[in-house]
Amino acid sequence: MKIAEARVTTGRTDLLLRPQGRKPEAEIVRGVREEEWAAHSSDRPLYTGVSCLLVPMECLTGAAYTRKAEALGLTGEREPLMGRVACRYQDWRIGVASQWAQRWVDRNFSLRSLEKILDGLPRHAVRQVALITSLGSGSASVQRRLRVTSGCL
């Protein structure tokens, strides 16, 4: 999908539904294909329900996308332990935007997401790392606290 098409889709306000209570899934699936079901939408743009709109796409070993990238000479070093191949974008600007978007997601979602699913000492450790990270990790005392706190996991 082209970026312009993606913008149109993610800006639509009829794609996120209000809670449907105990309606059967089959009824909901059938309903979203009908025009009159737009009345059930939340009137929120789709992008408000999508957490990662622009993060790097991994080129996985053997994937069709990876084969196309290889044919265009865009692939680099293989990472066999991770099952992926380094790849660059045809348009370098997409790569730059993608890298910065991933950094934003990592800073704003990763630790918070972990915190939601952990309990006890691991949750406390992740919370401490999140607090330290939000203060910045430049000073030696912050780096020392990060090492000690991360050791709890």
N, C-alpha and C. Protein backbone atom coordinates (compact mmCIF):
# COMPACT_ATOMS: atom_id res chain seq x y z
N MET A 1 0.85 -1.18 0.00
CA MET A 1 0.00 0.00 0.00
C MET A 1 0.90 1.24 0.00
N LYS A 2 0.59 2.18 -0.85
CA LYS A 2 1.34 3.43 -0.92
C LYS A 2 1.05 4.27 0.33
N ILE A 3 1.97 5.17 0.67
CA ILE A 3 1.82 6.01 1.85
C ILE A 3 0.55 6.85 1.77
N ALA A 4 0.25 7.41 0.61
CA ALA A 4 -0.96 8.25 0.46
C ALA A 4 -2.22 7.43 0.73
N GLU A 5 -2.25 6.18 0.22
CA GLU A 5 -3.41 5.31 0.46
C GLU A 5 -3.53 4.97 1.94
N ALA A 6 -2.39 4.72 2.57
CA ALA A 6 -2.39 4.39 4.00
C ALA A 6 -2.93 5.55 4.82
N ARG A 7 -2.57 6.78 4.46
CA ARG A 7 -3.07 7.96 5.18
C ARG A 7 -4.59 8.05 5.09
N VAL A 8 -5.12 7.78 3.90
CA VAL A 8 -6.58 7.83 3.73
C VAL A 8 -7.24 6.78 4.61
N THR A 9 -6.71 5.56 4.60
CA THR A 9 -7.29 4.47 5.39
C THR A 9 -7.20 4.75 6.87
N THR A 10 -6.03 5.16 7.36
CA THR A 10 -5.88 5.37 8.80
C THR A 10 -6.65 6.57 9.30
N GLY A 11 -7.02 7.48 8.42
CA GLY A 11 -7.80 8.64 8.83
C GLY A 11 -9.31 8.39 8.86
N ARG A 12 -9.75 7.24 8.34
CA ARG A 12 -11.19 6.95 8.32
C ARG A 12 -11.75 6.88 9.73
N THR A 13 -12.96 7.38 9.90
CA THR A 13 -13.59 7.39 11.23
C THR A 13 -14.68 6.35 11.37
N ASP A 14 -14.85 5.49 10.37
CA ASP A 14 -15.90 4.47 10.45
C ASP A 14 -15.35 3.07 10.71
N LEU A 15 -14.06 2.96 10.97
CA LEU A 15 -13.45 1.64 11.11
C LEU A 15 -13.35 1.15 12.55
N LEU A 16 -13.38 2.04 13.52
CA LEU A 16 -13.33 1.63 14.92
C LEU A 16 -14.76 1.62 15.46
N LEU A 17 -15.18 0.47 15.95
CA LEU A 17 -16.54 0.33 16.46
C LEU A 17 -16.62 0.67 17.94
N ARG A 18 -17.77 1.17 18.35
CA ARG A 18 -18.05 1.30 19.78
C ARG A 18 -18.18 -0.11 20.34
N PRO A 19 -18.03 -0.30 21.64
CA PRO A 19 -18.22 -1.65 22.21
C PRO A 19 -19.58 -2.21 21.81
N GLN A 20 -19.61 -3.47 21.43
CA GLN A 20 -20.82 -4.10 20.92
C GLN A 20 -21.50 -5.01 21.95
N GLY A 21 -21.06 -4.92 23.19
CA GLY A 21 -21.70 -5.72 24.23
C GLY A 21 -21.56 -7.20 23.95
N ARG A 22 -22.66 -7.91 24.03
CA ARG A 22 -22.61 -9.36 23.87
C ARG A 22 -23.11 -9.84 22.51
N LYS A 23 -23.01 -8.98 21.52
CA LYS A 23 -23.42 -9.40 20.17
C LYS A 23 -22.52 -10.54 19.71
N PRO A 24 -23.10 -11.51 19.03
CA PRO A 24 -22.28 -12.61 18.50
C PRO A 24 -21.25 -12.09 17.51
N GLU A 25 -20.06 -12.70 17.52
CA GLU A 25 -19.00 -12.27 16.61
C GLU A 25 -19.43 -12.32 15.16
N ALA A 26 -20.17 -13.36 14.80
CA ALA A 26 -20.61 -13.50 13.41
C ALA A 26 -21.47 -12.31 12.98
N GLU A 27 -22.30 -11.80 13.88
CA GLU A 27 -23.15 -10.65 13.57
C GLU A 27 -22.30 -9.40 13.36
N ILE A 28 -21.27 -9.24 14.18
CA ILE A 28 -20.39 -8.08 14.04
C ILE A 28 -19.61 -8.16 12.73
N VAL A 29 -19.06 -9.34 12.44
CA VAL A 29 -18.30 -9.52 11.19
C VAL A 29 -19.19 -9.24 9.99
N ARG A 30 -20.41 -9.73 10.01
CA ARG A 30 -21.35 -9.49 8.91
C ARG A 30 -21.70 -8.00 8.84
N GLY A 31 -21.89 -7.39 9.98
CA GLY A 31 -22.31 -5.99 10.04
C GLY A 31 -21.29 -5.01 9.51
N VAL A 32 -20.01 -5.25 9.78
CA VAL A 32 -19.00 -4.27 9.34
C VAL A 32 -18.89 -4.19 7.83
N ARG A 33 -19.48 -5.12 7.15
CA ARG A 33 -19.46 -5.09 5.68
C ARG A 33 -20.65 -4.33 5.11
N GLU A 34 -21.53 -3.84 5.97
CA GLU A 34 -22.74 -3.16 5.51
C GLU A 34 -22.66 -1.66 5.82
N GLU A 35 -23.12 -0.85 4.88
CA GLU A 35 -23.05 0.60 5.01
C GLU A 35 -23.74 1.13 6.27
N GLU A 36 -24.92 0.62 6.59
CA GLU A 36 -25.66 1.15 7.74
C GLU A 36 -24.95 0.90 9.08
N TRP A 37 -23.97 0.02 9.09
CA TRP A 37 -23.24 -0.25 10.32
C TRP A 37 -22.33 0.91 10.70
N ALA A 38 -22.14 1.87 9.84
CA ALA A 38 -21.31 3.02 10.16
C ALA A 38 -21.83 3.73 11.41
N ALA A 39 -23.13 3.58 11.69
CA ALA A 39 -23.71 4.18 12.89
C ALA A 39 -23.12 3.58 14.16
N HIS A 40 -22.51 2.41 14.06
CA HIS A 40 -21.90 1.76 15.22
C HIS A 40 -20.45 2.22 15.44
N SER A 41 -19.94 3.08 14.57
CA SER A 41 -18.54 3.48 14.69
C SER A 41 -18.35 4.41 15.88
N SER A 42 -17.11 4.51 16.29
CA SER A 42 -16.77 5.36 17.44
C SER A 42 -16.51 6.80 17.01
N ASP A 43 -16.52 7.05 15.69
CA ASP A 43 -16.20 8.37 15.13
C ASP A 43 -14.78 8.82 15.46
N ARG A 44 -13.90 7.84 15.73
CA ARG A 44 -12.48 8.12 15.96
C ARG A 44 -11.69 7.65 14.74
N PRO A 45 -10.69 8.39 14.32
CA PRO A 45 -9.86 7.93 13.20
C PRO A 45 -9.17 6.61 13.55
N LEU A 46 -8.96 5.77 12.56
CA LEU A 46 -8.34 4.46 12.79
C LEU A 46 -6.98 4.60 13.45
N TYR A 47 -6.22 5.65 13.11
CA TYR A 47 -4.87 5.76 13.67
C TYR A 47 -4.88 5.87 15.19
N THR A 48 -6.01 6.24 15.80
CA THR A 48 -6.04 6.30 17.27
C THR A 48 -6.10 4.90 17.88
N GLY A 49 -6.39 3.89 17.08
CA GLY A 49 -6.43 2.52 17.57
C GLY A 49 -5.27 1.67 17.10
N VAL A 50 -4.34 2.27 16.37
CA VAL A 50 -3.17 1.54 15.85
C VAL A 50 -1.94 2.11 16.53
N SER A 51 -1.21 1.27 17.26
CA SER A 51 -0.09 1.80 18.04
C SER A 51 1.18 1.99 17.22
N CYS A 52 1.38 1.26 16.17
CA CYS A 52 2.64 1.32 15.43
C CYS A 52 2.39 1.52 13.95
N LEU A 53 2.21 2.76 13.55
CA LEU A 53 1.90 3.01 12.14
C LEU A 53 3.12 2.94 11.24
N LEU A 54 4.26 3.34 11.73
CA LEU A 54 5.43 3.43 10.87
C LEU A 54 6.65 2.93 11.62
N VAL A 55 6.80 1.64 11.68
CA VAL A 55 7.99 1.06 12.29
C VAL A 55 8.67 0.20 11.23
N PRO A 56 9.95 -0.07 11.42
CA PRO A 56 10.67 -0.82 10.39
C PRO A 56 10.06 -2.20 10.13
N MET A 57 9.98 -2.54 8.86
CA MET A 57 9.52 -3.88 8.49
C MET A 57 10.73 -4.79 8.46
N GLU A 58 10.64 -5.90 9.14
CA GLU A 58 11.75 -6.84 9.14
C GLU A 58 11.69 -7.69 7.88
N CYS A 59 12.82 -7.88 7.27
CA CYS A 59 12.93 -8.80 6.14
C CYS A 59 13.28 -10.16 6.71
N LEU A 60 12.29 -11.04 6.76
CA LEU A 60 12.50 -12.37 7.31
C LEU A 60 13.04 -13.30 6.24
N THR A 61 13.94 -14.17 6.65
CA THR A 61 14.56 -15.12 5.73
C THR A 61 13.50 -15.93 5.00
N GLY A 62 13.56 -15.93 3.68
CA GLY A 62 12.65 -16.72 2.87
C GLY A 62 11.32 -16.06 2.55
N ALA A 63 11.03 -14.89 3.12
CA ALA A 63 9.75 -14.22 2.88
C ALA A 63 9.71 -13.62 1.48
N ALA A 64 8.50 -13.53 0.92
CA ALA A 64 8.33 -12.98 -0.42
C ALA A 64 8.87 -11.55 -0.49
N TYR A 65 8.61 -10.76 0.55
CA TYR A 65 9.09 -9.37 0.58
C TYR A 65 10.61 -9.35 0.52
N THR A 66 11.26 -10.25 1.25
CA THR A 66 12.72 -10.31 1.28
C THR A 66 13.27 -10.69 -0.09
N ARG A 67 12.61 -11.62 -0.77
CA ARG A 67 13.06 -12.01 -2.11
C ARG A 67 12.99 -10.82 -3.07
N LYS A 68 11.92 -10.02 -2.95
CA LYS A 68 11.79 -8.83 -3.81
C LYS A 68 12.90 -7.82 -3.49
N ALA A 69 13.18 -7.63 -2.19
CA ALA A 69 14.23 -6.70 -1.78
C ALA A 69 15.59 -7.19 -2.28
N GLU A 70 15.82 -8.51 -2.23
CA GLU A 70 17.08 -9.07 -2.74
C GLU A 70 17.22 -8.80 -4.24
N ALA A 71 16.14 -8.99 -4.97
CA ALA A 71 16.17 -8.77 -6.42
C ALA A 71 16.50 -7.32 -6.76
N LEU A 72 16.12 -6.40 -5.88
CA LEU A 72 16.40 -4.98 -6.10
C LEU A 72 17.76 -4.55 -5.53
N GLY A 73 18.47 -5.50 -4.93
CA GLY A 73 19.79 -5.19 -4.36
C GLY A 73 19.71 -4.39 -3.07
N LEU A 74 18.63 -4.53 -2.31
CA LEU A 74 18.43 -3.74 -1.09
C LEU A 74 18.82 -4.47 0.19
N THR A 75 19.16 -5.74 0.08
CA THR A 75 19.46 -6.51 1.29
C THR A 75 20.94 -6.44 1.62
N GLY A 76 21.22 -6.73 2.88
CA GLY A 76 22.60 -6.71 3.37
C GLY A 76 22.92 -7.98 4.13
N GLU A 77 23.52 -7.80 5.27
CA GLU A 77 24.00 -8.92 6.08
C GLU A 77 22.85 -9.77 6.62
N ARG A 78 23.05 -11.08 6.62
CA ARG A 78 22.05 -12.01 7.16
C ARG A 78 22.26 -12.16 8.66
N GLU A 79 21.16 -12.29 9.40
CA GLU A 79 21.19 -12.54 10.84
C GLU A 79 20.50 -13.89 11.07
N PRO A 80 21.23 -15.01 10.85
CA PRO A 80 20.60 -16.33 10.90
C PRO A 80 19.97 -16.68 12.24
N LEU A 81 20.53 -16.20 13.33
CA LEU A 81 19.96 -16.51 14.65
C LEU A 81 18.62 -15.83 14.85
N MET A 82 18.40 -14.72 14.16
CA MET A 82 17.13 -13.99 14.28
C MET A 82 16.20 -14.30 13.10
N GLY A 83 16.70 -15.01 12.10
CA GLY A 83 15.88 -15.36 10.95
C GLY A 83 15.53 -14.17 10.08
N ARG A 84 16.44 -13.20 10.01
CA ARG A 84 16.14 -12.02 9.20
C ARG A 84 17.36 -11.57 8.41
N VAL A 85 17.13 -10.65 7.52
CA VAL A 85 18.16 -10.11 6.65
C VAL A 85 18.10 -8.59 6.77
N ALA A 86 19.25 -7.96 6.94
CA ALA A 86 19.29 -6.50 6.97
C ALA A 86 18.83 -5.97 5.62
N CYS A 87 18.10 -4.89 5.64
CA CYS A 87 17.54 -4.37 4.40
C CYS A 87 17.41 -2.85 4.50
N ARG A 88 17.58 -2.19 3.38
CA ARG A 88 17.35 -0.75 3.35
C ARG A 88 16.18 -0.47 2.41
N TYR A 89 15.58 0.68 2.56
CA TYR A 89 14.43 1.05 1.74
C TYR A 89 14.89 1.65 0.42
N GLN A 90 14.08 1.48 -0.62
CA GLN A 90 14.39 2.11 -1.91
C GLN A 90 14.46 3.63 -1.73
N ASP A 91 13.56 4.17 -0.97
CA ASP A 91 13.55 5.61 -0.69
C ASP A 91 14.12 5.79 0.72
N TRP A 92 15.32 6.31 0.84
CA TRP A 92 16.02 6.42 2.12
C TRP A 92 15.21 7.20 3.16
N ARG A 93 14.34 8.11 2.68
CA ARG A 93 13.55 8.92 3.63
C ARG A 93 12.59 8.05 4.44
N ILE A 94 12.07 6.97 3.83
CA ILE A 94 11.20 6.05 4.56
C ILE A 94 11.99 5.38 5.68
N GLY A 95 13.22 5.00 5.39
CA GLY A 95 14.06 4.37 6.40
C GLY A 95 14.33 5.29 7.58
N VAL A 96 14.61 6.56 7.32
CA VAL A 96 14.85 7.52 8.40
C VAL A 96 13.59 7.71 9.25
N ALA A 97 12.46 7.92 8.59
CA ALA A 97 11.20 8.10 9.32
C ALA A 97 10.86 6.84 10.13
N SER A 98 11.11 5.69 9.54
CA SER A 98 10.81 4.43 10.20
C SER A 98 11.67 4.23 11.45
N GLN A 99 12.95 4.55 11.36
CA GLN A 99 13.85 4.41 12.52
C GLN A 99 13.41 5.33 13.66
N TRP A 100 13.07 6.56 13.35
CA TRP A 100 12.63 7.48 14.40
C TRP A 100 11.29 7.07 14.99
N ALA A 101 10.41 6.54 14.15
CA ALA A 101 9.12 6.05 14.66
C ALA A 101 9.34 4.89 15.61
N GLN A 102 10.27 3.98 15.28
CA GLN A 102 10.56 2.84 16.16
C GLN A 102 11.11 3.33 17.49
N ARG A 103 11.96 4.32 17.46
CA ARG A 103 12.50 4.87 18.72
C ARG A 103 11.37 5.44 19.58
N TRP A 104 10.42 6.12 18.93
CA TRP A 104 9.30 6.69 19.67
C TRP A 104 8.45 5.58 20.29
N VAL A 105 8.18 4.53 19.51
CA VAL A 105 7.39 3.41 20.02
C VAL A 105 8.12 2.75 21.19
N ASP A 106 9.42 2.51 21.03
CA ASP A 106 10.19 1.87 22.11
C ASP A 106 10.14 2.70 23.39
N ARG A 107 10.26 3.98 23.25
CA ARG A 107 10.28 4.84 24.44
C ARG A 107 8.89 4.98 25.07
N ASN A 108 7.85 4.95 24.25
CA ASN A 108 6.52 5.23 24.77
C ASN A 108 5.64 4.02 25.01
N PHE A 109 5.98 2.87 24.41
CA PHE A 109 5.11 1.71 24.55
C PHE A 109 5.77 0.50 25.19
N SER A 110 7.01 0.22 24.83
CA SER A 110 7.62 -1.04 25.22
C SER A 110 7.61 -1.28 26.72
N LEU A 111 8.15 -0.36 27.50
CA LEU A 111 8.20 -0.56 28.95
C LEU A 111 6.80 -0.53 29.56
N ARG A 112 5.97 0.36 29.07
CA ARG A 112 4.60 0.43 29.61
C ARG A 112 3.83 -0.85 29.28
N SER A 113 4.06 -1.39 28.10
CA SER A 113 3.38 -2.63 27.73
C SER A 113 3.81 -3.77 28.63
N LEU A 114 5.10 -3.86 28.91
CA LEU A 114 5.60 -4.89 29.82
C LEU A 114 5.03 -4.71 31.22
N GLU A 115 4.99 -3.48 31.66
CA GLU A 115 4.49 -3.19 33.01
C GLU A 115 3.05 -3.68 33.18
N LYS A 116 2.26 -3.62 32.12
CA LYS A 116 0.86 -4.04 32.19
C LYS A 116 0.71 -5.55 32.37
N ILE A 117 1.67 -6.33 31.89
CA ILE A 117 1.50 -7.78 31.93
C ILE A 117 2.32 -8.46 33.02
N LEU A 118 3.18 -7.72 33.71
CA LEU A 118 4.02 -8.31 34.75
C LEU A 118 3.44 -8.05 36.14
N ASP A 119 3.87 -8.86 37.09
CA ASP A 119 3.49 -8.68 38.49
C ASP A 119 4.73 -8.75 39.36
N GLY A 120 4.59 -8.29 40.58
CA GLY A 120 5.63 -8.45 41.59
C GLY A 120 6.93 -7.73 41.25
N LEU A 121 8.05 -8.40 41.59
CA LEU A 121 9.37 -7.81 41.42
C LEU A 121 9.68 -7.44 39.96
N PRO A 122 9.37 -8.31 38.98
CA PRO A 122 9.63 -7.91 37.59
C PRO A 122 8.89 -6.63 37.19
N ARG A 123 7.62 -6.48 37.62
CA ARG A 123 6.87 -5.27 37.31
C ARG A 123 7.53 -4.05 37.95
N HIS A 124 7.96 -4.20 39.19
CA HIS A 124 8.62 -3.12 39.91
C HIS A 124 9.91 -2.72 39.18
N ALA A 125 10.68 -3.72 38.73
CA ALA A 125 11.93 -3.44 38.03
C ALA A 125 11.68 -2.69 36.74
N VAL A 126 10.68 -3.11 35.97
CA VAL A 126 10.35 -2.43 34.72
C VAL A 126 9.90 -1.00 35.01
N ARG A 127 9.12 -0.82 36.05
CA ARG A 127 8.66 0.53 36.44
C ARG A 127 9.85 1.42 36.76
N GLN A 128 10.83 0.89 37.49
CA GLN A 128 12.01 1.67 37.84
C GLN A 128 12.79 2.07 36.59
N VAL A 129 12.95 1.11 35.66
CA VAL A 129 13.66 1.41 34.42
C VAL A 129 12.90 2.48 33.64
N ALA A 130 11.59 2.38 33.59
CA ALA A 130 10.79 3.37 32.88
C ALA A 130 10.97 4.76 33.48
N LEU A 131 10.97 4.84 34.80
CA LEU A 131 11.17 6.13 35.47
C LEU A 131 12.55 6.70 35.18
N ILE A 132 13.56 5.85 35.26
CA ILE A 132 14.93 6.30 35.00
C ILE A 132 15.08 6.74 33.55
N THR A 133 14.51 5.95 32.63
CA THR A 133 14.60 6.28 31.21
C THR A 133 13.94 7.61 30.91
N SER A 134 12.82 7.89 31.57
CA SER A 134 12.13 9.16 31.32
C SER A 134 12.95 10.35 31.81
N LEU A 135 13.86 10.12 32.75
CA LEU A 135 14.73 11.19 33.24
C LEU A 135 15.97 11.36 32.37
N GLY A 136 16.26 10.39 31.53
CA GLY A 136 17.46 10.41 30.69
C GLY A 136 18.49 9.46 31.27
N SER A 137 19.35 8.94 30.41
CA SER A 137 20.31 7.94 30.88
C SER A 137 21.75 8.39 30.68
N GLY A 138 21.99 9.69 30.71
CA GLY A 138 23.33 10.20 30.46
C GLY A 138 24.27 10.13 31.64
N SER A 139 23.79 10.36 32.84
CA SER A 139 24.70 10.45 33.98
C SER A 139 25.13 9.07 34.45
N ALA A 140 26.29 9.02 35.10
CA ALA A 140 26.83 7.75 35.60
C ALA A 140 25.92 7.16 36.67
N SER A 141 25.33 8.00 37.53
CA SER A 141 24.47 7.47 38.59
C SER A 141 23.20 6.85 37.99
N VAL A 142 22.66 7.46 36.94
CA VAL A 142 21.48 6.90 36.28
C VAL A 142 21.85 5.59 35.61
N GLN A 143 23.01 5.54 34.95
CA GLN A 143 23.43 4.29 34.31
C GLN A 143 23.64 3.18 35.34
N ARG A 144 24.22 3.52 36.49
CA ARG A 144 24.42 2.54 37.56
C ARG A 144 23.08 2.02 38.06
N ARG A 145 22.10 2.93 38.26
CA ARG A 145 20.76 2.52 38.72
C ARG A 145 20.10 1.63 37.69
N LEU A 146 20.32 1.94 36.39
CA LEU A 146 19.74 1.11 35.34
C LEU A 146 20.29 -0.32 35.41
N ARG A 147 21.61 -0.46 35.60
CA ARG A 147 22.21 -1.79 35.67
C ARG A 147 21.68 -2.57 36.86
N VAL A 148 21.58 -1.91 38.01
CA VAL A 148 21.09 -2.58 39.22
C VAL A 148 19.64 -2.97 39.05
N THR A 149 18.81 -2.05 38.55
CA THR A 149 17.39 -2.33 38.39
C THR A 149 17.16 -3.41 37.35
N SER A 150 17.90 -3.35 36.22
CA SER A 150 17.68 -4.35 35.18
C SER A 150 18.07 -5.74 35.66
N GLY A 151 18.99 -5.82 36.60
CA GLY A 151 19.39 -7.12 37.13
C GLY A 151 18.27 -7.85 37.86
N CYS A 152 17.22 -7.13 38.25
CA CYS A 152 16.10 -7.74 38.96
C CYS A 152 15.26 -8.62 38.05
N LEU A 153 15.31 -8.35 36.75
CA LEU A 153 14.51 -9.15 35.81
C LEU A 153 15.11 -10.51 35.71
